[in-house]
Amino acid sequence: MTAHEIMAGMLPLFDNLAAYIRSGGMVMVPILAVSLVMWVLIFNRVWFMRTLYVKNISRSRSGELVRLNQQPADRYKGANSLLVRQFLARRTRDRDLDGYILDETVMGLCASLDRYLAAIRVLSAVAPLLGLLGTVVGMMHTFEVITVFGTGNARAMAAGISVALITTQTGLMVAIPGLYMAGWLTRRSRNLKNRIAATGMYLRRFI
């Protein structure tokens, strides 16, 4: 199948999507904007946390590198290797001071794991509220039509009802996976923080 045929087959999908967005009215714009920003942040966190899991070094290897004052190889990007790399870059060889530096490095890494998670949760909560706003706007439009034309103009009434239902549906479609991903990322972050904290405590014996 050629690229032209693929594009021709996708045109009806794009047309249906555009019609769906138009039928939801102006409230669809902020809902889609919230969805876009939320998923950009989600993919950022998923990728960041994935790098902390893969190509990692063992805890014992981390201690050996700290004892030898040797940086991990560049191919290692995991949580333990990142902790060792950042600690060794700031090490002073003063035992007491290095203990504080290690604690600060652990806290900095743990704080970086929580970055954007609150924003993801807020955006997930905002989406259904915007959908509710669309519901109010749609019902107001419907009542205006009833006031002017009565209940005889079904087409005009349908436009308002369409805005009310579509915006509510879209808000929930954005919020539900967003809340799920926020919970999943929070659990993932908690596991990584426990790993980093445990490795930090283990490394204290080598400084």
N, C-alpha and C. Protein backbone atom coordinates (compact mmCIF):
# COMPACT_ATOMS: atom_id res chain seq x y z
N MET A 1 0.84 -1.20 0.00
CA MET A 1 0.00 0.00 0.00
C MET A 1 0.88 1.25 0.00
N THR A 2 0.61 2.16 -0.91
CA THR A 2 1.42 3.37 -1.03
C THR A 2 1.02 4.40 0.02
N ALA A 3 1.90 5.40 0.19
CA ALA A 3 1.62 6.47 1.16
C ALA A 3 0.38 7.26 0.75
N HIS A 4 0.19 7.43 -0.56
CA HIS A 4 -0.99 8.16 -1.04
C HIS A 4 -2.27 7.42 -0.68
N GLU A 5 -2.27 6.09 -0.81
CA GLU A 5 -3.44 5.30 -0.47
C GLU A 5 -3.72 5.34 1.04
N ILE A 6 -2.64 5.33 1.82
CA ILE A 6 -2.81 5.41 3.28
C ILE A 6 -3.45 6.74 3.67
N MET A 7 -2.94 7.84 3.06
CA MET A 7 -3.49 9.16 3.36
C MET A 7 -4.95 9.26 2.92
N ALA A 8 -5.24 8.68 1.75
CA ALA A 8 -6.62 8.71 1.26
C ALA A 8 -7.55 7.94 2.19
N GLY A 9 -7.06 6.85 2.75
CA GLY A 9 -7.87 6.07 3.67
C GLY A 9 -8.07 6.77 5.02
N MET A 10 -7.11 7.63 5.40
CA MET A 10 -7.21 8.32 6.68
C MET A 10 -8.01 9.61 6.60
N LEU A 11 -8.25 10.11 5.40
CA LEU A 11 -9.00 11.37 5.27
C LEU A 11 -10.38 11.31 5.91
N PRO A 12 -11.17 10.24 5.69
CA PRO A 12 -12.47 10.18 6.37
C PRO A 12 -12.35 10.22 7.89
N LEU A 13 -11.29 9.62 8.42
CA LEU A 13 -11.09 9.64 9.87
C LEU A 13 -10.85 11.07 10.35
N PHE A 14 -10.00 11.81 9.61
CA PHE A 14 -9.73 13.20 9.97
C PHE A 14 -10.99 14.04 9.85
N ASP A 15 -11.78 13.78 8.81
CA ASP A 15 -13.03 14.54 8.64
C ASP A 15 -13.99 14.28 9.79
N ASN A 16 -14.10 13.01 10.20
CA ASN A 16 -14.99 12.68 11.32
C ASN A 16 -14.50 13.32 12.63
N LEU A 17 -13.17 13.32 12.80
CA LEU A 17 -12.61 13.93 14.01
C LEU A 17 -12.86 15.43 14.03
N ALA A 18 -12.67 16.08 12.88
CA ALA A 18 -12.92 17.52 12.80
C ALA A 18 -14.40 17.84 13.06
N ALA A 19 -15.29 17.01 12.52
CA ALA A 19 -16.72 17.21 12.75
C ALA A 19 -17.07 17.01 14.22
N TYR A 20 -16.43 16.04 14.85
CA TYR A 20 -16.66 15.78 16.28
C TYR A 20 -16.23 16.98 17.12
N ILE A 21 -15.06 17.55 16.79
CA ILE A 21 -14.56 18.70 17.55
C ILE A 21 -15.46 19.91 17.33
N ARG A 22 -15.89 20.13 16.09
CA ARG A 22 -16.77 21.27 15.81
C ARG A 22 -18.10 21.14 16.54
N SER A 23 -18.63 19.92 16.62
CA SER A 23 -19.92 19.73 17.27
C SER A 23 -19.84 19.98 18.77
N GLY A 24 -18.63 19.95 19.33
CA GLY A 24 -18.47 20.21 20.76
C GLY A 24 -18.36 21.68 21.10
N GLY A 25 -18.18 22.53 20.09
CA GLY A 25 -18.11 23.96 20.34
C GLY A 25 -16.75 24.42 20.82
N MET A 26 -16.70 25.68 21.27
CA MET A 26 -15.44 26.29 21.65
C MET A 26 -14.81 25.66 22.88
N VAL A 27 -15.60 25.05 23.74
CA VAL A 27 -15.05 24.43 24.96
C VAL A 27 -14.13 23.27 24.62
N MET A 28 -14.27 22.70 23.43
CA MET A 28 -13.39 21.61 23.02
C MET A 28 -11.94 22.06 22.90
N VAL A 29 -11.71 23.33 22.61
CA VAL A 29 -10.34 23.83 22.44
C VAL A 29 -9.55 23.71 23.73
N PRO A 30 -10.04 24.25 24.88
CA PRO A 30 -9.26 24.07 26.11
C PRO A 30 -9.18 22.61 26.57
N ILE A 31 -10.23 21.82 26.29
CA ILE A 31 -10.16 20.40 26.69
C ILE A 31 -9.05 19.69 25.92
N LEU A 32 -8.96 19.94 24.62
CA LEU A 32 -7.90 19.31 23.83
C LEU A 32 -6.54 19.84 24.20
N ALA A 33 -6.46 21.14 24.55
CA ALA A 33 -5.19 21.71 24.98
C ALA A 33 -4.73 21.06 26.29
N VAL A 34 -5.65 20.88 27.22
CA VAL A 34 -5.33 20.20 28.48
C VAL A 34 -4.86 18.77 28.22
N SER A 35 -5.54 18.08 27.32
CA SER A 35 -5.16 16.71 26.98
C SER A 35 -3.75 16.66 26.39
N LEU A 36 -3.45 17.59 25.48
CA LEU A 36 -2.14 17.61 24.84
C LEU A 36 -1.03 17.83 25.86
N VAL A 37 -1.20 18.85 26.71
CA VAL A 37 -0.17 19.15 27.71
C VAL A 37 -0.02 17.98 28.68
N MET A 38 -1.13 17.41 29.11
CA MET A 38 -1.09 16.30 30.06
C MET A 38 -0.32 15.11 29.50
N TRP A 39 -0.58 14.76 28.24
CA TRP A 39 0.09 13.59 27.67
C TRP A 39 1.56 13.86 27.36
N VAL A 40 1.90 15.10 27.06
CA VAL A 40 3.32 15.43 26.90
C VAL A 40 4.05 15.21 28.22
N LEU A 41 3.45 15.66 29.33
CA LEU A 41 4.07 15.46 30.64
C LEU A 41 4.11 13.98 31.01
N ILE A 42 3.06 13.24 30.68
CA ILE A 42 3.05 11.81 30.99
C ILE A 42 4.16 11.08 30.25
N PHE A 43 4.28 11.33 28.96
CA PHE A 43 5.34 10.66 28.19
C PHE A 43 6.72 11.08 28.68
N ASN A 44 6.87 12.34 29.11
CA ASN A 44 8.14 12.79 29.67
C ASN A 44 8.49 11.99 30.91
N ARG A 45 7.52 11.79 31.81
CA ARG A 45 7.77 11.06 33.05
C ARG A 45 7.99 9.57 32.79
N VAL A 46 7.22 9.00 31.86
CA VAL A 46 7.40 7.59 31.54
C VAL A 46 8.80 7.33 31.00
N TRP A 47 9.25 8.19 30.11
CA TRP A 47 10.58 8.02 29.51
C TRP A 47 11.67 8.21 30.56
N PHE A 48 11.51 9.24 31.42
CA PHE A 48 12.52 9.51 32.46
C PHE A 48 12.62 8.33 33.43
N MET A 49 11.48 7.83 33.89
CA MET A 49 11.52 6.74 34.85
C MET A 49 12.00 5.44 34.22
N ARG A 50 11.69 5.26 32.94
CA ARG A 50 12.18 4.06 32.26
C ARG A 50 13.70 4.05 32.20
N THR A 51 14.30 5.21 31.94
CA THR A 51 15.77 5.27 31.88
C THR A 51 16.39 4.94 33.24
N LEU A 52 15.67 5.20 34.33
CA LEU A 52 16.21 4.90 35.65
C LEU A 52 16.12 3.41 35.99
N TYR A 53 15.30 2.67 35.25
CA TYR A 53 15.17 1.23 35.48
C TYR A 53 16.15 0.43 34.61
N VAL A 54 16.33 0.87 33.38
CA VAL A 54 17.14 0.08 32.44
C VAL A 54 18.60 0.47 32.55
N LYS A 55 19.48 -0.44 32.12
CA LYS A 55 20.92 -0.22 32.09
C LYS A 55 21.44 0.30 33.44
N ASN A 56 20.99 -0.37 34.49
CA ASN A 56 21.37 0.04 35.84
C ASN A 56 22.57 -0.78 36.31
N ILE A 57 23.18 -0.37 37.41
CA ILE A 57 24.27 -1.13 38.03
C ILE A 57 23.77 -1.62 39.38
N SER A 58 24.37 -2.68 39.87
CA SER A 58 23.95 -3.26 41.14
C SER A 58 24.38 -2.37 42.29
N ARG A 59 23.79 -2.61 43.46
CA ARG A 59 24.13 -1.82 44.64
C ARG A 59 25.58 -2.07 45.06
N SER A 60 26.01 -3.32 44.98
CA SER A 60 27.40 -3.62 45.35
C SER A 60 28.38 -2.96 44.40
N ARG A 61 28.04 -2.94 43.11
CA ARG A 61 28.90 -2.26 42.14
C ARG A 61 28.94 -0.76 42.41
N SER A 62 27.82 -0.20 42.85
CA SER A 62 27.79 1.23 43.19
C SER A 62 28.76 1.52 44.32
N GLY A 63 28.75 0.66 45.35
CA GLY A 63 29.67 0.86 46.46
C GLY A 63 31.12 0.74 46.04
N GLU A 64 31.40 -0.20 45.15
CA GLU A 64 32.78 -0.37 44.67
C GLU A 64 33.25 0.86 43.90
N LEU A 65 32.36 1.42 43.08
CA LEU A 65 32.73 2.62 42.32
C LEU A 65 32.98 3.81 43.23
N VAL A 66 32.17 3.94 44.28
CA VAL A 66 32.38 5.04 45.24
C VAL A 66 33.70 4.83 45.98
N ARG A 67 33.99 3.61 46.38
CA ARG A 67 35.24 3.33 47.07
C ARG A 67 36.45 3.65 46.20
N LEU A 68 36.35 3.32 44.91
CA LEU A 68 37.44 3.58 43.97
C LEU A 68 37.41 5.01 43.41
N ASN A 69 36.35 5.76 43.74
CA ASN A 69 36.14 7.10 43.20
C ASN A 69 36.15 7.08 41.66
N GLN A 70 35.41 6.14 41.12
CA GLN A 70 35.38 5.91 39.67
C GLN A 70 33.96 6.07 39.14
N GLN A 71 33.82 6.85 38.08
CA GLN A 71 32.51 7.09 37.48
C GLN A 71 32.02 5.83 36.76
N PRO A 72 30.70 5.58 36.80
CA PRO A 72 30.16 4.46 36.02
C PRO A 72 30.35 4.71 34.51
N ALA A 73 30.36 3.63 33.76
CA ALA A 73 30.47 3.76 32.31
C ALA A 73 29.27 4.52 31.76
N ASP A 74 29.49 5.20 30.65
CA ASP A 74 28.44 6.06 30.08
C ASP A 74 27.20 5.27 29.67
N ARG A 75 27.36 3.97 29.40
CA ARG A 75 26.22 3.20 28.93
C ARG A 75 25.21 2.91 30.05
N TYR A 76 25.61 3.14 31.30
CA TYR A 76 24.71 2.90 32.42
C TYR A 76 23.95 4.19 32.75
N LYS A 77 22.63 4.12 32.67
CA LYS A 77 21.78 5.30 32.88
C LYS A 77 20.79 5.12 34.02
N GLY A 78 20.89 4.01 34.75
CA GLY A 78 19.89 3.70 35.76
C GLY A 78 20.00 4.55 37.01
N ALA A 79 19.11 4.29 37.97
CA ALA A 79 19.03 5.11 39.18
C ALA A 79 20.31 5.04 40.00
N ASN A 80 20.86 3.83 40.20
CA ASN A 80 22.08 3.70 40.99
C ASN A 80 23.26 4.40 40.33
N SER A 81 23.39 4.21 39.02
CA SER A 81 24.50 4.84 38.31
C SER A 81 24.37 6.36 38.32
N LEU A 82 23.14 6.87 38.21
CA LEU A 82 22.94 8.32 38.25
C LEU A 82 23.29 8.88 39.63
N LEU A 83 22.92 8.15 40.68
CA LEU A 83 23.25 8.58 42.03
C LEU A 83 24.76 8.61 42.23
N VAL A 84 25.45 7.57 41.82
CA VAL A 84 26.90 7.51 41.96
C VAL A 84 27.55 8.62 41.14
N ARG A 85 27.10 8.82 39.91
CA ARG A 85 27.68 9.83 39.04
C ARG A 85 27.55 11.23 39.64
N GLN A 86 26.36 11.55 40.15
CA GLN A 86 26.16 12.89 40.71
C GLN A 86 26.92 13.07 42.02
N PHE A 87 26.98 12.02 42.83
CA PHE A 87 27.72 12.13 44.09
C PHE A 87 29.21 12.32 43.85
N LEU A 88 29.78 11.51 42.96
CA LEU A 88 31.22 11.61 42.71
C LEU A 88 31.60 12.95 42.10
N ALA A 89 30.68 13.55 41.34
CA ALA A 89 30.98 14.85 40.74
C ALA A 89 31.08 15.94 41.80
N ARG A 90 30.50 15.73 42.99
CA ARG A 90 30.51 16.75 44.04
C ARG A 90 31.33 16.33 45.26
N ARG A 91 31.95 15.19 45.21
CA ARG A 91 32.64 14.65 46.37
C ARG A 91 33.82 15.52 46.78
N THR A 92 34.06 15.63 48.09
CA THR A 92 35.14 16.48 48.60
C THR A 92 36.24 15.70 49.31
N ARG A 93 35.99 14.44 49.62
CA ARG A 93 36.91 13.58 50.37
C ARG A 93 36.89 13.90 51.86
N ASP A 94 36.04 14.83 52.29
CA ASP A 94 35.80 15.05 53.70
C ASP A 94 34.62 14.18 54.11
N ARG A 95 34.85 13.24 55.04
CA ARG A 95 33.85 12.21 55.33
C ARG A 95 32.52 12.82 55.78
N ASP A 96 32.58 13.76 56.71
CA ASP A 96 31.35 14.37 57.22
C ASP A 96 30.63 15.15 56.12
N LEU A 97 31.39 15.96 55.40
CA LEU A 97 30.79 16.76 54.34
C LEU A 97 30.24 15.88 53.23
N ASP A 98 30.96 14.82 52.90
CA ASP A 98 30.48 13.91 51.85
C ASP A 98 29.18 13.21 52.26
N GLY A 99 29.01 12.98 53.56
CA GLY A 99 27.76 12.40 54.02
C GLY A 99 26.59 13.33 53.74
N TYR A 100 26.80 14.63 54.00
CA TYR A 100 25.74 15.60 53.68
C TYR A 100 25.51 15.69 52.18
N ILE A 101 26.59 15.64 51.41
CA ILE A 101 26.45 15.72 49.95
C ILE A 101 25.68 14.52 49.42
N LEU A 102 25.96 13.34 49.97
CA LEU A 102 25.25 12.13 49.55
C LEU A 102 23.76 12.26 49.87
N ASP A 103 23.45 12.73 51.08
CA ASP A 103 22.04 12.90 51.46
C ASP A 103 21.34 13.91 50.54
N GLU A 104 22.04 14.99 50.23
CA GLU A 104 21.46 16.00 49.35
C GLU A 104 21.26 15.46 47.94
N THR A 105 22.19 14.64 47.49
CA THR A 105 22.06 14.04 46.16
C THR A 105 20.86 13.09 46.11
N VAL A 106 20.69 12.30 47.17
CA VAL A 106 19.54 11.39 47.23
C VAL A 106 18.24 12.18 47.23
N MET A 107 18.17 13.25 48.04
CA MET A 107 16.95 14.05 48.09
C MET A 107 16.67 14.73 46.76
N GLY A 108 17.73 15.18 46.07
CA GLY A 108 17.53 15.82 44.77
C GLY A 108 16.98 14.86 43.74
N LEU A 109 17.51 13.64 43.73
CA LEU A 109 17.01 12.64 42.79
C LEU A 109 15.57 12.25 43.11
N CYS A 110 15.26 12.10 44.41
CA CYS A 110 13.89 11.75 44.79
C CYS A 110 12.92 12.87 44.41
N ALA A 111 13.35 14.12 44.58
CA ALA A 111 12.49 15.25 44.21
C ALA A 111 12.26 15.30 42.71
N SER A 112 13.28 14.93 41.93
CA SER A 112 13.12 14.96 40.47
C SER A 112 12.11 13.93 39.99
N LEU A 113 11.90 12.87 40.77
CA LEU A 113 10.93 11.84 40.38
C LEU A 113 9.49 12.34 40.51
N ASP A 114 9.27 13.30 41.39
CA ASP A 114 7.91 13.82 41.60
C ASP A 114 7.59 14.99 40.68
N ARG A 115 8.57 15.42 39.90
CA ARG A 115 8.34 16.57 39.01
C ARG A 115 7.23 16.26 38.00
N TYR A 116 6.33 17.19 37.84
CA TYR A 116 5.21 17.15 36.89
C TYR A 116 4.07 16.23 37.33
N LEU A 117 4.25 15.41 38.37
CA LEU A 117 3.17 14.50 38.75
C LEU A 117 1.96 15.27 39.28
N ALA A 118 2.22 16.32 40.06
CA ALA A 118 1.11 17.14 40.55
C ALA A 118 0.40 17.82 39.39
N ALA A 119 1.17 18.29 38.41
CA ALA A 119 0.56 18.95 37.25
C ALA A 119 -0.31 17.98 36.46
N ILE A 120 0.13 16.72 36.34
CA ILE A 120 -0.66 15.71 35.64
C ILE A 120 -1.98 15.47 36.36
N ARG A 121 -1.91 15.38 37.69
CA ARG A 121 -3.14 15.17 38.46
C ARG A 121 -4.09 16.35 38.34
N VAL A 122 -3.54 17.57 38.36
CA VAL A 122 -4.38 18.77 38.23
C VAL A 122 -5.05 18.81 36.86
N LEU A 123 -4.27 18.54 35.82
CA LEU A 123 -4.85 18.55 34.47
C LEU A 123 -5.91 17.47 34.31
N SER A 124 -5.70 16.32 34.94
CA SER A 124 -6.70 15.25 34.88
C SER A 124 -7.99 15.67 35.57
N ALA A 125 -7.86 16.45 36.64
CA ALA A 125 -9.05 16.92 37.35
C ALA A 125 -9.73 18.08 36.63
N VAL A 126 -8.95 18.87 35.89
CA VAL A 126 -9.51 20.03 35.18
C VAL A 126 -10.36 19.59 33.99
N ALA A 127 -9.95 18.51 33.31
CA ALA A 127 -10.64 18.08 32.09
C ALA A 127 -12.14 17.84 32.29
N PRO A 128 -12.58 17.08 33.29
CA PRO A 128 -14.03 16.90 33.45
C PRO A 128 -14.75 18.18 33.86
N LEU A 129 -14.04 19.10 34.54
CA LEU A 129 -14.66 20.38 34.88
C LEU A 129 -14.91 21.20 33.61
N LEU A 130 -13.96 21.14 32.68
CA LEU A 130 -14.19 21.81 31.40
C LEU A 130 -15.33 21.14 30.64
N GLY A 131 -15.41 19.82 30.75
CA GLY A 131 -16.53 19.13 30.15
C GLY A 131 -17.86 19.57 30.75
N LEU A 132 -17.86 19.79 32.08
CA LEU A 132 -19.06 20.28 32.74
C LEU A 132 -19.41 21.69 32.27
N LEU A 133 -18.37 22.51 32.06
CA LEU A 133 -18.60 23.84 31.51
C LEU A 133 -19.26 23.75 30.14
N GLY A 134 -18.80 22.81 29.32
CA GLY A 134 -19.42 22.60 28.02
C GLY A 134 -20.87 22.17 28.15
N THR A 135 -21.14 21.35 29.16
CA THR A 135 -22.53 20.93 29.40
C THR A 135 -23.42 22.13 29.71
N VAL A 136 -22.91 23.02 30.57
CA VAL A 136 -23.68 24.21 30.93
C VAL A 136 -23.91 25.09 29.70
N VAL A 137 -22.85 25.29 28.90
CA VAL A 137 -22.96 26.12 27.70
C VAL A 137 -23.98 25.51 26.74
N GLY A 138 -23.91 24.19 26.55
CA GLY A 138 -24.85 23.53 25.64
C GLY A 138 -26.28 23.62 26.11
N MET A 139 -26.51 23.45 27.40
CA MET A 139 -27.88 23.53 27.92
C MET A 139 -28.41 24.96 27.86
N MET A 140 -27.53 25.94 28.08
CA MET A 140 -27.96 27.34 27.95
C MET A 140 -28.41 27.62 26.51
N HIS A 141 -27.62 27.09 25.56
CA HIS A 141 -27.98 27.27 24.15
C HIS A 141 -29.33 26.60 23.86
N THR A 142 -29.53 25.42 24.42
CA THR A 142 -30.79 24.70 24.21
C THR A 142 -31.98 25.49 24.77
N PHE A 143 -31.81 26.02 25.97
CA PHE A 143 -32.90 26.79 26.58
C PHE A 143 -33.18 28.08 25.82
N GLU A 144 -32.13 28.68 25.25
CA GLU A 144 -32.34 29.87 24.42
C GLU A 144 -33.16 29.52 23.19
N VAL A 145 -32.87 28.39 22.58
CA VAL A 145 -33.63 27.96 21.40
C VAL A 145 -35.09 27.70 21.79
N ILE A 146 -35.30 27.05 22.93
CA ILE A 146 -36.67 26.78 23.38
C ILE A 146 -37.41 28.08 23.66
N THR A 147 -36.68 29.06 24.22
CA THR A 147 -37.31 30.34 24.53
C THR A 147 -37.78 31.05 23.26
N VAL A 148 -36.94 30.98 22.21
CA VAL A 148 -37.24 31.70 20.97
C VAL A 148 -38.21 30.92 20.10
N PHE A 149 -37.94 29.63 19.89
CA PHE A 149 -38.71 28.83 18.92
C PHE A 149 -39.66 27.84 19.56
N GLY A 150 -39.58 27.69 20.86
CA GLY A 150 -40.35 26.62 21.49
C GLY A 150 -39.66 25.28 21.27
N THR A 151 -40.40 24.22 21.40
CA THR A 151 -39.82 22.88 21.24
C THR A 151 -39.97 22.34 19.82
N GLY A 152 -40.41 23.21 18.89
CA GLY A 152 -40.65 22.74 17.53
C GLY A 152 -39.42 22.67 16.67
N ASN A 153 -38.33 23.38 17.04
CA ASN A 153 -37.11 23.38 16.22
C ASN A 153 -36.14 22.35 16.78
N ALA A 154 -36.32 21.13 16.36
CA ALA A 154 -35.50 20.04 16.89
C ALA A 154 -34.04 20.16 16.48
N ARG A 155 -33.79 20.66 15.25
CA ARG A 155 -32.40 20.77 14.77
C ARG A 155 -31.61 21.75 15.63
N ALA A 156 -32.20 22.91 15.94
CA ALA A 156 -31.50 23.89 16.76
C ALA A 156 -31.29 23.37 18.18
N MET A 157 -32.27 22.67 18.72
CA MET A 157 -32.12 22.09 20.05
C MET A 157 -31.03 21.02 20.08
N ALA A 158 -30.94 20.26 19.01
CA ALA A 158 -29.95 19.18 18.95
C ALA A 158 -28.53 19.72 19.00
N ALA A 159 -28.31 20.92 18.44
CA ALA A 159 -26.97 21.51 18.46
C ALA A 159 -26.52 21.75 19.89
N GLY A 160 -27.40 22.33 20.71
CA GLY A 160 -27.05 22.58 22.10
C GLY A 160 -26.85 21.31 22.89
N ILE A 161 -27.71 20.33 22.68
CA ILE A 161 -27.58 19.05 23.38
C ILE A 161 -26.29 18.35 22.95
N SER A 162 -25.94 18.48 21.68
CA SER A 162 -24.70 17.88 21.18
C SER A 162 -23.50 18.47 21.89
N VAL A 163 -23.47 19.80 22.04
CA VAL A 163 -22.37 20.45 22.75
C VAL A 163 -22.30 19.92 24.19
N ALA A 164 -23.45 19.82 24.84
CA ALA A 164 -23.47 19.37 26.23
C ALA A 164 -22.92 17.95 26.39
N LEU A 165 -23.34 17.05 25.52
CA LEU A 165 -22.94 15.64 25.66
C LEU A 165 -21.50 15.40 25.21
N ILE A 166 -21.12 16.01 24.10
CA ILE A 166 -19.78 15.74 23.55
C ILE A 166 -18.69 16.29 24.45
N THR A 167 -18.88 17.49 24.99
CA THR A 167 -17.86 18.05 25.87
C THR A 167 -17.73 17.23 27.16
N THR A 168 -18.86 16.78 27.69
CA THR A 168 -18.81 15.93 28.88
C THR A 168 -18.08 14.63 28.58
N GLN A 169 -18.41 14.02 27.46
CA GLN A 169 -17.76 12.77 27.06
C GLN A 169 -16.26 12.98 26.87
N THR A 170 -15.88 14.04 26.19
CA THR A 170 -14.46 14.29 25.92
C THR A 170 -13.70 14.56 27.21
N GLY A 171 -14.31 15.35 28.11
CA GLY A 171 -13.66 15.62 29.40
C GLY A 171 -13.39 14.35 30.18
N LEU A 172 -14.35 13.43 30.18
CA LEU A 172 -14.15 12.16 30.89
C LEU A 172 -13.13 11.28 30.17
N MET A 173 -13.12 11.31 28.85
CA MET A 173 -12.14 10.52 28.08
C MET A 173 -10.71 11.00 28.34
N VAL A 174 -10.56 12.29 28.62
CA VAL A 174 -9.23 12.83 28.96
C VAL A 174 -8.88 12.51 30.41
N ALA A 175 -9.87 12.66 31.31
CA ALA A 175 -9.60 12.56 32.74
C ALA A 175 -9.30 11.13 33.19
N ILE A 176 -10.06 10.16 32.72
CA ILE A 176 -9.93 8.79 33.24
C ILE A 176 -8.54 8.20 32.98
N PRO A 177 -8.03 8.20 31.73
CA PRO A 177 -6.66 7.68 31.55
C PRO A 177 -5.61 8.56 32.22
N GLY A 178 -5.88 9.88 32.32
CA GLY A 178 -4.93 10.76 32.98
C GLY A 178 -4.79 10.43 34.46
N LEU A 179 -5.91 10.19 35.14
CA LEU A 179 -5.86 9.82 36.55
C LEU A 179 -5.21 8.46 36.75
N TYR A 180 -5.48 7.52 35.82
CA TYR A 180 -4.83 6.21 35.91
C TYR A 180 -3.32 6.34 35.78
N MET A 181 -2.88 7.11 34.78
CA MET A 181 -1.44 7.28 34.56
C MET A 181 -0.79 8.03 35.73
N ALA A 182 -1.50 8.99 36.31
CA ALA A 182 -0.95 9.71 37.47
C ALA A 182 -0.72 8.74 38.63
N GLY A 183 -1.69 7.85 38.87
CA GLY A 183 -1.51 6.85 39.92
C GLY A 183 -0.38 5.88 39.62
N TRP A 184 -0.30 5.44 38.37
CA TRP A 184 0.76 4.51 37.97
C TRP A 184 2.14 5.15 38.11
N LEU A 185 2.26 6.39 37.67
CA LEU A 185 3.54 7.10 37.78
C LEU A 185 3.91 7.36 39.23
N THR A 186 2.92 7.62 40.08
CA THR A 186 3.19 7.84 41.50
C THR A 186 3.74 6.57 42.14
N ARG A 187 3.15 5.42 41.81
CA ARG A 187 3.66 4.15 42.35
C ARG A 187 5.07 3.88 41.82
N ARG A 188 5.28 4.15 40.55
CA ARG A 188 6.61 3.95 39.96
C ARG A 188 7.63 4.85 40.63
N SER A 189 7.24 6.10 40.87
CA SER A 189 8.13 7.05 41.53
C SER A 189 8.45 6.59 42.95
N ARG A 190 7.45 6.07 43.66
CA ARG A 190 7.68 5.61 45.04
C ARG A 190 8.67 4.46 45.07
N ASN A 191 8.54 3.53 44.14
CA ASN A 191 9.47 2.40 44.08
C ASN A 191 10.90 2.87 43.80
N LEU A 192 11.04 3.80 42.88
CA LEU A 192 12.37 4.31 42.54
C LEU A 192 12.98 5.08 43.72
N LYS A 193 12.15 5.85 44.42
CA LYS A 193 12.67 6.59 45.58
C LYS A 193 13.14 5.64 46.67
N ASN A 194 12.42 4.53 46.86
CA ASN A 194 12.86 3.55 47.84
C ASN A 194 14.20 2.93 47.43
N ARG A 195 14.36 2.66 46.15
CA ARG A 195 15.63 2.11 45.65
C ARG A 195 16.77 3.08 45.87
N ILE A 196 16.53 4.33 45.50
CA ILE A 196 17.58 5.34 45.62
C ILE A 196 17.95 5.57 47.07
N ALA A 197 16.95 5.63 47.96
CA ALA A 197 17.23 5.83 49.37
C ALA A 197 18.01 4.66 49.96
N ALA A 198 17.64 3.44 49.56
CA ALA A 198 18.36 2.26 50.06
C ALA A 198 19.80 2.25 49.56
N THR A 199 20.01 2.62 48.31
CA THR A 199 21.37 2.69 47.77
C THR A 199 22.17 3.78 48.47
N GLY A 200 21.52 4.92 48.74
CA GLY A 200 22.21 6.00 49.47
C GLY A 200 22.68 5.56 50.84
N MET A 201 21.84 4.82 51.56
CA MET A 201 22.24 4.32 52.88
C MET A 201 23.39 3.31 52.76
N TYR A 202 23.35 2.51 51.70
CA TYR A 202 24.42 1.52 51.50
C TYR A 202 25.75 2.21 51.19
N LEU A 203 25.70 3.30 50.43
CA LEU A 203 26.93 3.97 50.01
C LEU A 203 27.63 4.71 51.15
N ARG A 204 26.91 4.98 52.22
CA ARG A 204 27.54 5.73 53.33
C ARG A 204 28.74 5.01 53.90
N ARG A 205 28.74 3.69 53.84
CA ARG A 205 29.87 2.95 54.41
C ARG A 205 31.14 3.07 53.57
N PHE A 206 31.00 3.59 52.32
CA PHE A 206 32.17 3.69 51.45
C PHE A 206 32.73 5.12 51.37
N ILE A 207 32.19 6.02 52.17
CA ILE A 207 32.71 7.40 52.11
C ILE A 207 33.47 7.73 53.39
